[in-house]
């Protein structure tokens, strides 16, 4: 009777350990789960035509109207800074044009 009790208790211990491992593994299923997308092919010419027409209209609106016509892809940014204009005459040998010995180096624009 004593050995039967020991066998029963050892089987119960084994079952508890097995149930604990199974519960731990079930918890891993929840912890390590991930999602994948599902793809569907719709074989209806009306839906396919409307899909292509809507996408084409969106592309024409964005490319044709917003970008090419209204230039909305350019972000207007104010220019900040100083402007320096140096209105000097072109001279030979980079001399100062106010010196008496300095010669100007103009070129003809029209032949």
PDB file of N, CA and C in Angstrom:
ATOM      1  N   UNK A   1       0.824  -1.189   0.000  1.00  0.00           N
ATOM      2  CA  UNK A   1       0.000   0.000   0.000  1.00  0.00           C
ATOM      3  C   UNK A   1       0.868   1.252   0.000  1.00  0.00           C
ATOM      4  N   UNK A   2       1.978   1.157   0.723  1.00  0.00           N
ATOM      5  CA  UNK A   2       2.884   2.301   0.811  1.00  0.00           C
ATOM      6  C   UNK A   2       3.506   2.614  -0.540  1.00  0.00           C
ATOM      7  N   UNK A   3       3.901   1.604  -1.325  1.00  0.00           N
ATOM      8  CA  UNK A   3       4.522   1.839  -2.633  1.00  0.00           C
ATOM      9  C   UNK A   3       3.510   2.378  -3.629  1.00  0.00           C
ATOM     10  N   UNK A   4       2.249   1.953  -3.513  1.00  0.00           N
ATOM     11  CA  UNK A   4       1.207   2.471  -4.407  1.00  0.00           C
ATOM     12  C   UNK A   4       0.978   3.952  -4.132  1.00  0.00           C
ATOM     13  N   UNK A   5       1.037   4.348  -2.865  1.00  0.00           N
ATOM     14  CA  UNK A   5       0.877   5.753  -2.498  1.00  0.00           C
ATOM     15  C   UNK A   5       2.037   6.595  -3.029  1.00  0.00           C
ATOM     16  N   UNK A   6       3.265   6.049  -2.944  1.00  0.00           N
ATOM     17  CA  UNK A   6       4.428   6.759  -3.472  1.00  0.00           C
ATOM     18  C   UNK A   6       4.331   6.929  -4.983  1.00  0.00           C
ATOM     19  N   UNK A   7       3.844   5.879  -5.663  1.00  0.00           N
ATOM     20  CA  UNK A   7       3.690   5.973  -7.120  1.00  0.00           C
ATOM     21  C   UNK A   7       2.639   7.023  -7.470  1.00  0.00           C
ATOM     22  N   UNK A   8       1.541   7.022  -6.727  1.00  0.00           N
ATOM     23  CA  UNK A   8       0.469   7.988  -6.997  1.00  0.00           C
ATOM     24  C   UNK A   8       0.945   9.411  -6.749  1.00  0.00           C
ATOM     25  N   UNK A   9       1.689   9.590  -5.674  1.00  0.00           N
ATOM     26  CA  UNK A   9       2.180  10.940  -5.398  1.00  0.00           C
ATOM     27  C   UNK A   9       3.221  11.369  -6.414  1.00  0.00           C
ATOM     28  N   UNK A  10       4.061  10.448  -6.875  1.00  0.00           N
ATOM     29  CA  UNK A  10       5.045  10.823  -7.893  1.00  0.00           C
ATOM     30  C   UNK A  10       4.365  11.134  -9.219  1.00  0.00           C
ATOM     31  N   UNK A  11       3.292  10.408  -9.537  1.00  0.00           N
ATOM     32  CA  UNK A  11       2.538  10.706 -10.764  1.00  0.00           C
ATOM     33  C   UNK A  11       1.872  12.067 -10.631  1.00  0.00           C
ATOM     34  N   UNK A  12       1.337  12.368  -9.453  1.00  0.00           N
ATOM     35  CA  UNK A  12       0.704  13.667  -9.239  1.00  0.00           C
ATOM     36  C   UNK A  12       1.717  14.790  -9.358  1.00  0.00           C
ATOM     37  N   UNK A  13       2.913  14.569  -8.832  1.00  0.00           N
ATOM     38  CA  UNK A  13       3.974  15.575  -8.948  1.00  0.00           C
ATOM     39  C   UNK A  13       4.350  15.767 -10.407  1.00  0.00           C
ATOM     40  N   UNK A  14       4.465  14.669 -11.134  1.00  0.00           N
ATOM     41  CA  UNK A  14       4.805  14.767 -12.567  1.00  0.00           C
ATOM     42  C   UNK A  14       3.720  15.512 -13.330  1.00  0.00           C
ATOM     43  N   UNK A  15       2.452  15.234 -12.982  1.00  0.00           N
ATOM     44  CA  UNK A  15       1.357  15.931 -13.652  1.00  0.00           C
ATOM     45  C   UNK A  15       1.380  17.432 -13.339  1.00  0.00           C
ATOM     46  N   UNK A  16       1.654  17.785 -12.099  1.00  0.00           N
ATOM     47  CA  UNK A  16       1.738  19.203 -11.733  1.00  0.00           C
ATOM     48  C   UNK A  16       2.863  19.901 -12.477  1.00  0.00           C
ATOM     49  N   UNK A  17       4.008  19.230 -12.576  1.00  0.00           N
ATOM     50  CA  UNK A  17       5.132  19.813 -13.314  1.00  0.00           C
ATOM     51  C   UNK A  17       4.771  19.966 -14.783  1.00  0.00           C
ATOM     52  N   UNK A  18       4.131  18.923 -15.343  1.00  0.00           N
ATOM     53  CA  UNK A  18       3.739  18.985 -16.754  1.00  0.00           C
ATOM     54  C   UNK A  18       2.718  20.092 -16.979  1.00  0.00           C
ATOM     55  N   UNK A  19       1.763  20.254 -16.067  1.00  0.00           N
ATOM     56  CA  UNK A  19       0.769  21.314 -16.207  1.00  0.00           C
ATOM     57  C   UNK A  19       1.413  22.691 -16.058  1.00  0.00           C
ATOM     58  N   UNK A  20       2.390  22.797 -15.171  1.00  0.00           N
ATOM     59  CA  UNK A  20       3.094  24.067 -15.021  1.00  0.00           C
ATOM     60  C   UNK A  20       3.872  24.431 -16.267  1.00  0.00           C
ATOM     61  N   UNK A  21       4.522  23.441 -16.863  1.00  0.00           N
ATOM     62  CA  UNK A  21       5.263  23.689 -18.110  1.00  0.00           C
ATOM     63  C   UNK A  21       4.298  24.054 -19.221  1.00  0.00           C
ATOM     64  N   UNK A  22       3.162  23.337 -19.297  1.00  0.00           N
ATOM     65  CA  UNK A  22       2.174  23.632 -20.341  1.00  0.00           C
ATOM     66  C   UNK A  22       1.615  25.036 -20.169  1.00  0.00           C
ATOM     67  N   UNK A  23       1.340  25.425 -18.927  1.00  0.00           N
ATOM     68  CA  UNK A  23       0.845  26.780 -18.687  1.00  0.00           C
ATOM     69  C   UNK A  23       1.878  27.830 -19.055  1.00  0.00           C
ATOM     70  N   UNK A  24       3.139  27.547 -18.755  1.00  0.00           N
ATOM     71  CA  UNK A  24       4.215  28.469 -19.121  1.00  0.00           C
ATOM     72  C   UNK A  24       4.317  28.589 -20.635  1.00  0.00           C
ATOM     73  N   UNK A  25       4.215  27.458 -21.334  1.00  0.00           N
ATOM     74  CA  UNK A  25       4.301  27.489 -22.798  1.00  0.00           C
ATOM     75  C   UNK A  25       3.104  28.204 -23.406  1.00  0.00           C
ATOM     76  N   UNK A  26       1.906  28.041 -22.799  1.00  0.00           N
ATOM     77  CA  UNK A  26       0.744  28.781 -23.291  1.00  0.00           C
ATOM     78  C   UNK A  26       0.938  30.284 -23.097  1.00  0.00           C
ATOM     79  N   UNK A  27       1.566  30.676 -22.027  1.00  0.00           N
ATOM     80  CA  UNK A  27       1.877  32.082 -21.806  1.00  0.00           C
ATOM     81  C   UNK A  27       2.865  32.609 -22.844  1.00  0.00           C
ATOM     82  N   UNK A  28       3.805  31.748 -23.258  1.00  0.00           N
ATOM     83  CA  UNK A  28       4.748  32.159 -24.306  1.00  0.00           C
ATOM     84  C   UNK A  28       4.043  32.382 -25.632  1.00  0.00           C
ATOM     85  N   UNK A  29       2.996  31.585 -25.880  1.00  0.00           N
ATOM     86  CA  UNK A  29       2.238  31.796 -27.111  1.00  0.00           C
ATOM     87  C   UNK A  29       1.660  33.201 -27.159  1.00  0.00           C
ATOM     88  N   UNK A  30       1.181  33.666 -26.029  1.00  0.00           N
ATOM     89  CA  UNK A  30       0.623  35.024 -25.998  1.00  0.00           C
ATOM     90  C   UNK A  30       1.726  36.079 -26.046  1.00  0.00           C
ATOM     91  N   UNK A  31       2.829  35.829 -25.395  1.00  0.00           N
ATOM     92  CA  UNK A  31       3.912  36.815 -25.331  1.00  0.00           C
ATOM     93  C   UNK A  31       4.664  36.935 -26.654  1.00  0.00           C
ATOM     94  N   UNK A  32       4.811  35.851 -27.373  1.00  0.00           N
ATOM     95  CA  UNK A  32       5.601  35.864 -28.611  1.00  0.00           C
ATOM     96  C   UNK A  32       4.728  35.859 -29.860  1.00  0.00           C
ATOM     97  N   UNK A  33       3.470  36.218 -29.740  1.00  0.00           N
ATOM     98  CA  UNK A  33       2.567  36.245 -30.887  1.00  0.00           C
ATOM     99  C   UNK A  33       2.895  37.433 -31.788  1.00  0.00           C
ATOM    100  N   UNK A  34       2.648  37.300 -33.074  1.00  0.00           N
ATOM    101  CA  UNK A  34       2.826  38.395 -34.032  1.00  0.00           C
ATOM    102  C   UNK A  34       1.743  38.301 -35.090  1.00  0.00           C
ATOM    103  N   UNK A  35       1.499  39.392 -35.783  1.00  0.00           N
ATOM    104  CA  UNK A  35       0.445  39.459 -36.791  1.00  0.00           C
ATOM    105  C   UNK A  35       1.061  39.501 -38.178  1.00  0.00           C
ATOM    106  N   UNK A  36       0.369  38.928 -39.125  1.00  0.00           N
ATOM    107  CA  UNK A  36       0.792  38.994 -40.518  1.00  0.00           C
ATOM    108  C   UNK A  36      -0.376  39.535 -41.345  1.00  0.00           C
ATOM    109  N   UNK A  37      -0.078  40.287 -42.408  1.00  0.00           N
ATOM    110  CA  UNK A  37      -1.167  40.804 -43.239  1.00  0.00           C
ATOM    111  C   UNK A  37      -1.748  39.704 -44.117  1.00  0.00           C
ATOM    112  N   UNK A  38      -3.006  39.846 -44.433  1.00  0.00           N
ATOM    113  CA  UNK A  38      -3.662  38.930 -45.348  1.00  0.00           C
ATOM    114  C   UNK A  38      -3.932  39.677 -46.646  1.00  0.00           C
ATOM    115  N   UNK A  39      -3.686  39.051 -47.771  1.00  0.00           N
ATOM    116  CA  UNK A  39      -3.901  39.658 -49.079  1.00  0.00           C
ATOM    117  C   UNK A  39      -5.068  38.962 -49.764  1.00  0.00           C
ATOM    118  N   UNK A  40      -5.891  39.763 -50.411  1.00  0.00           N
ATOM    119  CA  UNK A  40      -7.062  39.253 -51.100  1.00  0.00           C
ATOM    120  C   UNK A  40      -7.015  39.764 -52.527  1.00  0.00           C
ATOM    121  N   UNK A  41      -7.329  38.919 -53.469  1.00  0.00           N
ATOM    122  CA  UNK A  41      -7.440  39.321 -54.867  1.00  0.00           C
ATOM    123  C   UNK A  41      -8.913  39.421 -55.217  1.00  0.00           C
ATOM    124  N   UNK A  42      -9.350  40.624 -55.572  1.00  0.00           N
ATOM    125  CA  UNK A  42     -10.738  40.843 -55.952  1.00  0.00           C
ATOM    126  C   UNK A  42     -10.802  40.776 -57.463  1.00  0.00           C
ATOM    127  N   UNK A  43     -11.593  39.866 -57.979  1.00  0.00           N
ATOM    128  CA  UNK A  43     -11.684  39.676 -59.422  1.00  0.00           C
ATOM    129  C   UNK A  43     -13.013  40.209 -59.927  1.00  0.00           C
ATOM    130  N   UNK A  44     -13.138  41.539 -59.931  1.00  0.00           N
ATOM    131  CA  UNK A  44     -14.332  42.203 -60.428  1.00  0.00           C
ATOM    132  C   UNK A  44     -13.863  43.384 -61.262  1.00  0.00           C
ATOM    133  N   UNK A  45     -14.234  43.416 -62.530  1.00  0.00           N
ATOM    134  CA  UNK A  45     -13.698  44.441 -63.418  1.00  0.00           C
ATOM    135  C   UNK A  45     -14.201  45.833 -63.042  1.00  0.00           C
ATOM    136  N   UNK A  46     -15.406  45.931 -62.487  1.00  0.00           N
ATOM    137  CA  UNK A  46     -15.923  47.238 -62.098  1.00  0.00           C
ATOM    138  C   UNK A  46     -15.125  47.817 -60.936  1.00  0.00           C
ATOM    139  N   UNK A  47     -14.851  47.000 -59.939  1.00  0.00           N
ATOM    140  CA  UNK A  47     -14.046  47.470 -58.812  1.00  0.00           C
ATOM    141  C   UNK A  47     -12.609  47.763 -59.240  1.00  0.00           C
ATOM    142  N   UNK A  48     -12.047  46.925 -60.124  1.00  0.00           N
ATOM    143  CA  UNK A  48     -10.689  47.167 -60.612  1.00  0.00           C
ATOM    144  C   UNK A  48     -10.587  48.456 -61.398  1.00  0.00           C
ATOM    145  N   UNK A  49     -11.579  48.711 -62.243  1.00  0.00           N
ATOM    146  CA  UNK A  49     -11.581  49.946 -63.044  1.00  0.00           C
ATOM    147  C   UNK A  49     -11.743  51.167 -62.135  1.00  0.00           C
ATOM    148  N   UNK A  50     -12.664  51.084 -61.173  1.00  0.00           N
ATOM    149  CA  UNK A  50     -12.835  52.228 -60.273  1.00  0.00           C
ATOM    150  C   UNK A  50     -11.599  52.435 -59.406  1.00  0.00           C
ATOM    151  N   UNK A  51     -10.921  51.359 -59.018  1.00  0.00           N
ATOM    152  CA  UNK A  51      -9.682  51.470 -58.236  1.00  0.00           C
ATOM    153  C   UNK A  51      -8.614  52.213 -59.037  1.00  0.00           C
ATOM    154  N   UNK A  52      -8.429  51.813 -60.287  1.00  0.00           N
ATOM    155  CA  UNK A  52      -7.415  52.453 -61.129  1.00  0.00           C
ATOM    156  C   UNK A  52      -7.800  53.903 -61.431  1.00  0.00           C
ATOM    157  N   UNK A  53      -9.087  54.170 -61.680  1.00  0.00           N
ATOM    158  CA  UNK A  53      -9.520  55.542 -61.975  1.00  0.00           C
ATOM    159  C   UNK A  53      -9.335  56.463 -60.769  1.00  0.00           C
ATOM    160  N   UNK A  54      -9.656  55.981 -59.593  1.00  0.00           N
ATOM    161  CA  UNK A  54      -9.493  56.817 -58.395  1.00  0.00           C
ATOM    162  C   UNK A  54      -8.017  57.091 -58.135  1.00  0.00           C
ATOM    163  N   UNK A  55      -7.175  56.067 -58.252  1.00  0.00           N
ATOM    164  CA  UNK A  55      -5.735  56.271 -58.051  1.00  0.00           C
ATOM    165  C   UNK A  55      -5.163  57.212 -59.110  1.00  0.00           C
ATOM    166  N   UNK A  56      -5.639  57.083 -60.361  1.00  0.00           N
ATOM    167  CA  UNK A  56      -5.179  57.981 -61.421  1.00  0.00           C
ATOM    168  C   UNK A  56      -5.616  59.414 -61.181  1.00  0.00           C
ATOM    169  N   UNK A  57      -6.849  59.604 -60.702  1.00  0.00           N
ATOM    170  CA  UNK A  57      -7.324  60.949 -60.409  1.00  0.00           C
ATOM    171  C   UNK A  57      -6.524  61.579 -59.276  1.00  0.00           C
ATOM    172  N   UNK A  58      -6.179  60.793 -58.286  1.00  0.00           N
ATOM    173  CA  UNK A  58      -5.360  61.309 -57.187  1.00  0.00           C
ATOM    174  C   UNK A  58      -3.978  61.700 -57.698  1.00  0.00           C
ATOM    175  N   UNK A  59      -3.377  60.868 -58.553  1.00  0.00           N
ATOM    176  CA  UNK A  59      -2.049  61.173 -59.097  1.00  0.00           C
ATOM    177  C   UNK A  59      -2.097  62.433 -59.959  1.00  0.00           C
ATOM    178  N   UNK A  60      -3.131  62.579 -60.795  1.00  0.00           N
ATOM    179  CA  UNK A  60      -3.263  63.776 -61.634  1.00  0.00           C
ATOM    180  C   UNK A  60      -3.449  65.018 -60.764  1.00  0.00           C
ATOM    181  N   UNK A  61      -4.244  64.902 -59.707  1.00  0.00           N
ATOM    182  CA  UNK A  61      -4.460  66.034 -58.815  1.00  0.00           C
ATOM    183  C   UNK A  61      -3.157  66.455 -58.136  1.00  0.00           C
ATOM    184  N   UNK A  62      -2.421  65.483 -57.621  1.00  0.00           N
ATOM    185  CA  UNK A  62      -1.184  65.823 -56.901  1.00  0.00           C
ATOM    186  C   UNK A  62      -0.116  66.321 -57.864  1.00  0.00           C
ATOM    187  N   UNK A  63       0.156  65.550 -58.919  1.00  0.00           N
ATOM    188  CA  UNK A  63       1.234  65.935 -59.841  1.00  0.00           C
ATOM    189  C   UNK A  63       0.848  67.137 -60.702  1.00  0.00           C
ATOM    190  N   UNK A  64      -0.317  67.067 -61.322  1.00  0.00           N
ATOM    191  CA  UNK A  64      -0.699  68.117 -62.259  1.00  0.00           C
ATOM    192  C   UNK A  64      -1.099  69.409 -61.598  1.00  0.00           C
ATOM    193  N   UNK A  65      -2.025  69.329 -60.663  1.00  0.00           N
ATOM    194  CA  UNK A  65      -2.571  70.556 -60.084  1.00  0.00           C
ATOM    195  C   UNK A  65      -1.696  71.131 -58.972  1.00  0.00           C
ATOM    196  N   UNK A  66      -1.386  70.304 -57.969  1.00  0.00           N
ATOM    197  CA  UNK A  66      -0.657  70.833 -56.813  1.00  0.00           C
ATOM    198  C   UNK A  66       0.805  71.144 -57.116  1.00  0.00           C
ATOM    199  N   UNK A  67       1.486  70.241 -57.821  1.00  0.00           N
ATOM    200  CA  UNK A  67       2.929  70.429 -58.036  1.00  0.00           C
ATOM    201  C   UNK A  67       3.208  71.316 -59.240  1.00  0.00           C
ATOM    202  N   UNK A  68       2.660  70.946 -60.417  1.00  0.00           N
ATOM    203  CA  UNK A  68       3.010  71.693 -61.626  1.00  0.00           C
ATOM    204  C   UNK A  68       2.277  73.031 -61.745  1.00  0.00           C
ATOM    205  N   UNK A  69       1.008  73.094 -61.353  1.00  0.00           N
ATOM    206  CA  UNK A  69       0.231  74.320 -61.530  1.00  0.00           C
ATOM    207  C   UNK A  69       0.396  75.295 -60.368  1.00  0.00           C
ATOM    208  N   UNK A  70       0.243  74.818 -59.136  1.00  0.00           N
ATOM    209  CA  UNK A  70       0.296  75.722 -57.988  1.00  0.00           C
ATOM    210  C   UNK A  70       1.655  75.747 -57.290  1.00  0.00           C
ATOM    211  N   UNK A  71       2.567  74.872 -57.657  1.00  0.00           N
ATOM    212  CA  UNK A  71       3.915  74.808 -57.054  1.00  0.00           C
ATOM    213  C   UNK A  71       3.839  74.665 -55.536  1.00  0.00           C
ATOM    214  N   UNK A  72       2.955  73.805 -55.045  1.00  0.00           N
ATOM    215  CA  UNK A  72       2.799  73.609 -53.609  1.00  0.00           C
ATOM    216  C   UNK A  72       3.931  72.780 -53.013  1.00  0.00           C
ATOM    217  N   UNK A  73       4.753  72.170 -53.850  1.00  0.00           N
ATOM    218  CA  UNK A  73       5.872  71.388 -53.323  1.00  0.00           C
ATOM    219  C   UNK A  73       7.016  72.295 -52.870  1.00  0.00           C
ATOM    220  N   UNK A  74       6.967  73.564 -53.261  1.00  0.00           N
ATOM    221  CA  UNK A  74       7.980  74.518 -52.834  1.00  0.00           C
ATOM    222  C   UNK A  74       7.495  75.221 -51.577  1.00  0.00           C
ATOM    223  N   UNK A  75       8.272  75.187 -50.556  1.00  0.00           N
ATOM    224  CA  UNK A  75       7.903  75.829 -49.304  1.00  0.00           C
ATOM    225  C   UNK A  75       8.458  77.249 -49.319  1.00  0.00           C
ATOM    226  N   UNK A  76       7.590  78.268 -49.279  1.00  0.00           N
ATOM    227  CA  UNK A  76       8.109  79.636 -49.264  1.00  0.00           C
ATOM    228  C   UNK A  76       8.770  79.930 -47.923  1.00  0.00           C
ATOM    229  N   UNK A  77       9.986  80.406 -47.990  1.00  0.00           N
ATOM    230  CA  UNK A  77      10.723  80.757 -46.771  1.00  0.00           C
ATOM    231  C   UNK A  77      11.270  82.164 -46.940  1.00  0.00           C
ATOM    232  N   UNK A  78      11.024  83.008 -45.976  1.00  0.00           N
ATOM    233  CA  UNK A  78      11.557  84.371 -46.085  1.00  0.00           C
ATOM    234  C   UNK A  78      13.079  84.362 -45.996  1.00  0.00           C
ATOM    235  N   UNK A  79      13.671  85.236 -46.776  1.00  0.00           N
ATOM    236  CA  UNK A  79      15.129  85.346 -46.788  1.00  0.00           C
ATOM    237  C   UNK A  79      15.540  86.396 -45.774  1.00  0.00           C
ATOM    238  N   UNK A  80      16.455  86.015 -44.929  1.00  0.00           N
ATOM    239  CA  UNK A  80      16.946  86.945 -43.925  1.00  0.00           C
ATOM    240  C   UNK A  80      18.436  87.157 -44.142  1.00  0.00           C
ATOM    241  N   UNK A  81      18.874  88.382 -43.952  1.00  0.00           N
ATOM    242  CA  UNK A  81      20.293  88.669 -44.098  1.00  0.00           C
ATOM    243  C   UNK A  81      20.514  90.060 -44.674  1.00  0.00           C
ATOM    244  N   UNK A  82      21.741  90.351 -44.919  1.00  0.00           N
ATOM    245  CA  UNK A  82      22.128  91.644 -45.466  1.00  0.00           C
ATOM    246  C   UNK A  82      22.599  91.468 -46.898  1.00  0.00           C
ATOM    247  N   UNK A  83      22.414  92.532 -47.667  1.00  0.00           N
ATOM    248  CA  UNK A  83      22.862  92.523 -49.057  1.00  0.00           C
ATOM    249  C   UNK A  83      23.994  93.527 -49.194  1.00  0.00           C
ATOM    250  N   UNK A  84      25.067  93.098 -49.814  1.00  0.00           N
ATOM    251  CA  UNK A  84      26.208  93.970 -50.049  1.00  0.00           C
ATOM    252  C   UNK A  84      26.407  94.083 -51.552  1.00  0.00           C
ATOM    253  N   UNK A  85      26.251  95.298 -52.051  1.00  0.00           N
ATOM    254  CA  UNK A  85      26.475  95.561 -53.468  1.00  0.00           C
ATOM    255  C   UNK A  85      27.725  96.413 -53.583  1.00  0.00           C
ATOM    256  N   UNK A  86      28.665  95.950 -54.393  1.00  0.00           N
ATOM    257  CA  UNK A  86      29.925  96.667 -54.574  1.00  0.00           C
ATOM    258  C   UNK A  86      29.996  97.137 -56.027  1.00  0.00           C
ATOM    259  N   UNK A  87      29.521  98.353 -56.322  1.00  0.00           N
ATOM    260  CA  UNK A  87      29.505  98.831 -57.707  1.00  0.00           C
ATOM    261  C   UNK A  87      30.859  99.416 -58.120  1.00  0.00           C
ATOM    262  N   UNK A  88      31.814  98.569 -58.355  1.00  0.00           N
ATOM    263  CA  UNK A  88      33.130  99.044 -58.812  1.00  0.00           C
ATOM    264  C   UNK A  88      33.301  98.705 -60.277  1.00  0.00           C
ATOM    265  N   UNK A  89      34.129  99.474 -60.910  1.00  0.00           N
ATOM    266  CA  UNK A  89      34.419  99.244 -62.322  1.00  0.00           C
ATOM    267  C   UNK A  89      35.485  98.155 -62.449  1.00  0.00           C
ATOM    268  N   UNK A  90      35.419  97.357 -63.520  1.00  0.00           N
ATOM    269  CA  UNK A  90      36.487  96.379 -63.741  1.00  0.00           C
ATOM    270  C   UNK A  90      37.775  97.101 -64.144  1.00  0.00           C
ATOM    271  N   UNK A  91      38.862  96.720 -63.508  1.00  0.00           N
ATOM    272  CA  UNK A  91      40.149  97.385 -63.775  1.00  0.00           C
ATOM    273  C   UNK A  91      41.197  96.357 -64.158  1.00  0.00           C
ATOM    274  N   UNK A  92      42.254  96.857 -64.784  1.00  0.00           N
ATOM    275  CA  UNK A  92      43.386  96.004 -65.130  1.00  0.00           C
ATOM    276  C   UNK A  92      44.247  95.813 -63.886  1.00  0.00           C
ATOM    277  N   UNK A  93      44.741  94.625 -63.669  1.00  0.00           N
ATOM    278  CA  UNK A  93      45.645  94.278 -62.566  1.00  0.00           C
ATOM    279  C   UNK A  93      45.005  94.531 -61.197  1.00  0.00           C
ATOM    280  N   UNK A  94      43.706  94.513 -61.109  1.00  0.00           N
ATOM    281  CA  UNK A  94      42.962  94.672 -59.850  1.00  0.00           C
ATOM    282  C   UNK A  94      43.361  95.907 -59.042  1.00  0.00           C
ATOM    283  N   UNK A  95      43.579  97.023 -59.729  1.00  0.00           N
ATOM    284  CA  UNK A  95      43.911  98.265 -59.019  1.00  0.00           C
ATOM    285  C   UNK A  95      42.624  98.979 -58.627  1.00  0.00           C
ATOM    286  N   UNK A  96      42.736  99.996 -57.785  1.00  0.00           N
ATOM    287  CA  UNK A  96      41.586 100.779 -57.345  1.00  0.00           C
ATOM    288  C   UNK A  96      41.249 101.774 -58.444  1.00  0.00           C
ATOM    289  N   UNK A  97      39.969 101.821 -58.835  1.00  0.00           N
ATOM    290  CA  UNK A  97      39.579 102.624 -60.001  1.00  0.00           C
ATOM    291  C   UNK A  97      39.747 104.125 -59.775  1.00  0.00           C
ATOM    292  N   UNK A  98      39.899 104.567 -58.542  1.00  0.00           N
ATOM    293  CA  UNK A  98      40.064 106.000 -58.270  1.00  0.00           C
ATOM    294  C   UNK A  98      41.525 106.451 -58.359  1.00  0.00           C
ATOM    295  N   UNK A  99      42.466 105.533 -58.433  1.00  0.00           N
ATOM    296  CA  UNK A  99      43.884 105.904 -58.590  1.00  0.00           C
ATOM    297  C   UNK A  99      44.095 106.477 -59.989  1.00  0.00           C
ATOM    298  N   UNK A 100      44.964 107.510 -60.107  1.00  0.00           N
ATOM    299  CA  UNK A 100      45.165 108.134 -61.422  1.00  0.00           C
ATOM    300  C   UNK A 100      45.830 107.204 -62.434  1.00  0.00           C
ATOM    301  N   UNK A 101      46.669 106.264 -62.026  1.00  0.00           N
ATOM    302  CA  UNK A 101      47.363 105.392 -62.979  1.00  0.00           C
ATOM    303  C   UNK A 101      46.596 104.117 -63.306  1.00  0.00           C
ATOM    304  N   UNK A 102      45.428 103.933 -62.745  1.00  0.00           N
ATOM    305  CA  UNK A 102      44.652 102.708 -62.953  1.00  0.00           C
ATOM    306  C   UNK A 102      43.896 102.801 -64.271  1.00  0.00           C
ATOM    307  N   UNK A 103      43.912 101.718 -65.030  1.00  0.00           N
ATOM    308  CA  UNK A 103      43.213 101.680 -66.307  1.00  0.00           C
ATOM    309  C   UNK A 103      42.017 100.740 -66.189  1.00  0.00           C
ATOM    310  N   UNK A 104      40.913 101.156 -66.776  1.00  0.00           N
ATOM    311  CA  UNK A 104      39.699 100.353 -66.745  1.00  0.00           C
ATOM    312  C   UNK A 104      39.796  99.221 -67.759  1.00  0.00           C
ATOM    313  N   UNK A 105      39.119  98.142 -67.476  1.00  0.00           N
ATOM    314  CA  UNK A 105      39.176  96.964 -68.349  1.00  0.00           C
ATOM    315  C   UNK A 105      37.768  96.566 -68.766  1.00  0.00           C
ATOM    316  N   UNK A 106      37.092  97.455 -69.483  1.00  0.00           N
ATOM    317  CA  UNK A 106      35.757  97.136 -69.985  1.00  0.00           C
ATOM    318  C   UNK A 106      35.868  96.240 -71.210  1.00  0.00           C
ATOM    319  N   UNK A 107      34.863  95.369 -71.378  1.00  0.00           N
ATOM    320  CA  UNK A 107      34.813  94.526 -72.576  1.00  0.00           C
ATOM    321  C   UNK A 107      33.589  94.934 -73.386  1.00  0.00           C
ATOM    322  N   UNK A 108      33.666  94.695 -74.681  1.00  0.00           N
ATOM    323  CA  UNK A 108      32.536  94.984 -75.541  1.00  0.00           C
ATOM    324  C   UNK A 108      31.488  93.890 -75.354  1.00  0.00           C
ATOM    325  N   UNK A 109      30.224  94.310 -75.227  1.00  0.00           N
ATOM    326  CA  UNK A 109      29.157  93.334 -75.089  1.00  0.00           C
ATOM    327  C   UNK A 109      28.668  92.900 -76.458  1.00  0.00           C
ATOM    328  N   UNK A 110      28.517  93.871 -77.373  1.00  0.00           N
ATOM    329  CA  UNK A 110      28.025  93.569 -78.719  1.00  0.00           C
ATOM    330  C   UNK A 110      29.178  93.754 -79.696  1.00  0.00           C
ATOM    331  N   UNK A 111      29.344  92.796 -80.575  1.00  0.00           N
ATOM    332  CA  UNK A 111      30.413  92.899 -81.579  1.00  0.00           C
ATOM    333  C   UNK A 111      30.007  93.781 -82.715  1.00  0.00           C
TER     334      UNK A 111
END
